[in-house]
Structures are given as C-alpha cells and as structure tokens.
Protein backbone atom coordinates (compact mmCIF):
# COMPACT_ATOMS: atom_id res chain seq x y z
CA MET A 1 -4.04 33.04 -0.68
CA LYS A 2 -1.29 31.77 -3.11
CA ARG A 3 0.73 30.30 -0.15
CA ILE A 4 -2.30 28.26 0.91
CA GLU A 5 -2.79 27.14 -2.68
CA LEU A 6 0.78 26.14 -2.81
CA ILE A 7 0.71 24.21 0.40
CA LEU A 8 -2.51 22.25 -0.61
CA ALA A 9 -0.88 21.43 -4.06
CA LEU A 10 2.29 20.13 -2.28
CA LEU A 11 0.20 18.12 0.16
CA PHE A 12 -1.85 16.68 -2.76
CA ALA A 13 1.32 15.80 -4.60
CA LEU A 14 2.83 14.07 -1.53
CA ILE A 15 -0.38 12.06 -1.00
CA CYS A 16 -0.45 10.97 -4.69
CA GLN A 17 3.26 10.09 -4.64
CA ALA A 18 2.68 7.84 -1.66
CA SER A 19 -0.29 6.30 -3.41
CA ALA A 20 1.63 5.73 -6.57
CA GLN A 21 4.32 3.73 -4.81
CA ASN A 22 1.59 1.21 -3.82
CA THR A 23 0.02 0.64 -7.34
CA GLY A 24 2.66 -1.60 -8.82
CA SER A 25 0.56 -4.75 -8.47
CA VAL A 26 -2.78 -3.26 -9.96
CA VAL A 27 -3.49 -5.15 -13.02
CA LEU A 28 -5.28 -3.08 -15.79
CA GLU A 29 -6.58 -4.42 -19.10
CA THR A 30 -5.15 -3.03 -22.40
CA LEU A 31 -6.98 -2.05 -25.61
CA ASP A 32 -6.02 -5.42 -27.19
CA GLY A 33 -7.25 -7.42 -24.13
CA GLY A 34 -3.80 -7.99 -22.61
CA LYS A 35 -2.70 -6.94 -19.13
CA THR A 36 -0.60 -4.08 -17.87
CA THR A 37 0.56 -2.77 -14.56
CA PRO A 38 1.60 0.77 -13.57
CA ALA A 39 5.01 -0.67 -12.58
CA GLN A 40 5.56 -1.62 -16.22
CA TRP A 41 5.26 2.05 -17.28
CA THR A 42 8.44 3.17 -15.64
CA ASP A 43 11.44 2.45 -17.88
CA GLY A 44 14.14 4.70 -16.31
CA LYS A 45 14.29 6.55 -19.70
CA THR A 46 11.04 8.26 -20.67
CA PRO A 47 8.76 10.42 -18.76
CA TYR A 48 5.12 9.50 -19.03
CA VAL A 49 1.67 10.96 -18.53
CA VAL A 50 -1.20 9.11 -16.84
CA SER A 51 -4.54 10.66 -17.67
CA PHE A 52 -7.73 9.40 -15.98
CA TRP A 53 -10.86 9.75 -18.16
CA PHE A 54 -14.20 8.16 -18.93
CA VAL A 55 -16.28 8.02 -21.99
CA GLY A 56 -18.94 10.39 -20.82
CA CYS A 57 -16.57 13.16 -19.86
CA LYS A 58 -16.51 16.00 -22.32
CA PHE A 59 -13.52 17.65 -20.93
CA CYS A 60 -11.49 14.37 -20.86
CA ILE A 61 -12.18 13.90 -24.57
CA GLU A 62 -11.31 17.53 -25.38
CA GLU A 63 -8.00 17.10 -23.46
CA MET A 64 -7.05 13.87 -25.18
CA ASP A 65 -8.08 15.40 -28.53
CA ALA A 66 -5.79 18.30 -27.90
CA VAL A 67 -2.87 16.29 -26.80
CA SER A 68 -3.34 13.87 -29.81
CA GLU A 69 -3.31 16.81 -32.15
CA ALA A 70 0.01 18.06 -30.95
CA PHE A 71 1.57 14.70 -29.97
CA GLU A 72 3.73 14.18 -33.02
CA ASP A 73 5.29 17.57 -32.90
CA TRP A 74 5.83 17.23 -29.11
CA GLN A 75 7.56 13.85 -29.51
CA ALA A 76 10.12 15.58 -31.78
CA LYS A 77 11.06 17.92 -28.97
CA ALA A 78 10.54 15.90 -25.84
CA PRO A 79 9.74 12.19 -26.06
CA PHE A 80 7.16 10.92 -23.59
CA ARG A 81 4.42 8.37 -23.39
CA PHE A 82 0.73 9.05 -22.84
CA ILE A 83 -1.16 6.37 -20.93
CA ALA A 84 -4.99 6.98 -20.90
CA VAL A 85 -6.53 5.14 -17.98
CA CYS A 86 -10.34 4.66 -18.64
CA THR A 87 -12.43 4.52 -15.42
CA ASP A 88 -15.68 3.20 -17.04
CA ASP A 89 -16.80 0.19 -15.19
CA ALA A 90 -16.86 -3.40 -16.72
CA ARG A 91 -20.35 -2.94 -18.19
CA GLY A 92 -18.94 -0.07 -20.16
CA LEU A 93 -15.69 -1.72 -21.27
CA ALA A 94 -16.78 -2.76 -24.85
CA ARG A 95 -18.31 0.73 -25.35
CA ALA A 96 -15.14 2.38 -24.14
CA LYS A 97 -12.93 0.29 -26.35
CA SER A 98 -15.06 1.04 -29.38
CA PHE A 99 -15.01 4.67 -28.56
CA VAL A 100 -11.17 4.65 -28.32
CA ARG A 101 -10.80 2.91 -31.67
CA SER A 102 -13.06 5.47 -33.34
CA ARG A 103 -11.17 8.61 -31.94
CA GLY A 104 -7.85 8.16 -33.79
CA TRP A 105 -5.78 8.34 -30.57
CA ASP A 106 -3.26 5.88 -31.91
CA ASP A 107 -0.27 7.34 -30.23
CA PHE A 108 -1.64 6.70 -26.78
CA SER A 109 -1.58 3.61 -24.65
CA PHE A 110 -4.75 2.63 -23.07
CA ALA A 111 -5.56 0.85 -19.81
CA PHE A 112 -8.93 0.08 -18.48
CA ASP A 113 -9.54 0.31 -14.78
CA THR A 114 -12.79 -1.34 -14.61
CA ASN A 115 -13.03 -2.05 -11.01
CA GLY A 116 -11.53 1.33 -9.92
CA GLU A 117 -8.65 -0.10 -7.97
CA TYR A 118 -5.91 2.23 -9.74
CA ALA A 119 -8.06 5.28 -9.55
CA ARG A 120 -8.56 4.63 -5.80
CA ALA A 121 -4.90 4.07 -5.20
CA MET A 122 -4.18 7.30 -7.01
CA ASN A 123 -6.93 9.27 -5.33
CA ALA A 124 -8.29 9.90 -8.74
CA MET A 125 -11.85 10.68 -7.80
CA SER A 126 -12.58 13.09 -10.64
CA ALA A 127 -11.73 13.42 -14.33
CA PRO A 128 -9.90 14.56 -16.22
CA LEU A 129 -6.96 14.16 -13.89
CA VAL A 130 -3.40 14.10 -15.19
CA PHE A 131 -0.23 12.91 -13.55
CA LEU A 132 3.27 13.53 -15.13
CA PHE A 133 5.82 11.03 -14.00
CA ASP A 134 9.57 11.47 -14.61
CA LYS A 135 11.62 8.74 -16.12
CA ASP A 136 12.05 7.09 -12.60
CA GLY A 137 8.25 7.04 -11.81
CA ARG A 138 8.10 10.00 -9.57
CA ILE A 139 5.07 12.19 -9.84
CA VAL A 140 6.42 15.74 -10.80
CA TYR A 141 3.15 17.43 -11.91
CA THR A 142 -0.60 16.82 -11.54
CA HIS A 143 -3.54 18.75 -12.97
CA ASN A 144 -7.30 18.24 -12.49
CA GLY A 145 -9.89 19.40 -14.90
CA TYR A 146 -9.34 20.79 -18.42
CA SER A 147 -9.45 24.18 -20.16
CA PRO A 148 -8.08 24.76 -23.59
CA GLY A 149 -4.36 25.50 -23.21
CA ASP A 150 -3.89 23.19 -20.26
CA GLU A 151 -2.13 20.82 -22.67
CA GLU A 152 0.37 23.42 -23.46
CA ILE A 153 1.15 23.83 -19.69
CA LEU A 154 1.63 20.09 -19.47
CA PHE A 155 4.06 20.02 -22.43
CA GLU A 156 6.14 22.80 -20.71
CA LYS A 157 6.33 20.59 -17.71
CA ILE A 158 7.38 17.65 -19.82
CA CYS A 159 10.09 19.87 -21.55
CA GLY A 160 11.28 20.84 -18.08
CA LEU A 161 12.22 17.28 -17.43
CA TYR A 162 14.70 17.34 -20.18
CA LYS A 163 16.48 20.49 -18.95
CA ASN A 164 17.68 18.94 -15.74
C-alpha cells in the first residue's frame, strides 16, 4: 500500500511541476492592488511556500495562523517566503482583503487569483494546498489538507533545503 501511495505522490508532484513551469505569465493581484506573477517569486536565493486558501476555509485559516505564529522563529533558522494565494472570486475580493488585514498575517505575501487561472495551472482544486519551492523554483514538497502539526512537517522540509 505504501508503494502505491509513493507512486501517486510522485506522479502528482510531476504533474504539478510541469504545471508550475507554465505559470510564469499568470498575473495576480496583491494586497495593495498591485500585480505579481509566479515568475517573480523565484529569486535563486530563497525557498518559498505557496499556500492556496479561501476565506471560508476553516482549515486554511488554522494552517496560516499556525505558520504565522511560528514564522519569526522559523525565519531565524531557515529563511523562506510564504505566499498565500487566495482563490476567492472577484466578488469576494474586497472581503478577502479585509479579512487578511484583520488577521495579523503581516509576514506573508498575498496574491489574489480571482479568476482561478493560477489555481487551475497548479491543479489546485482543493484547499488548503501547500507547495514548497526550492530557491530555483522547483516544487520539492506538496501537501493537501491541514491537521495540527502539518506546519511542523512543512518546516522540516524547508530546513532540509538548507542541508543540501
């Protein structure tokens, strides 16, 4: 059974990696109303996390609260960026931005995928869905769903990028 799970996980990672390579031209709105693209997130120096979420997702909010709480300590050990991609549609954009401002997630970068183009390109059909990218923009870990403690596994994966 473990072998089948491993094969499925590898297949999913390969599909996502191929999808990620075709997302550079997707334009997303930022919290301040500016624009960003996934291609801008890769700097050749720092790993980054992309977390797909939406306002009505209890588990998404729990995950981001947990990461936010530990973020400062984690940064001292293994610097990384956290990009939260909100998948609420254009009608919910103002509500999503207001929600973000009320949460105290000041250490995160936010991108709003109101038309779902980036989510489709990344096969992100459920949330929360987390992708860890290495400093060169390659997907090295992905996780769907959230249970308390999953953020610690994510941080272990981030730390592992600094051991190589």
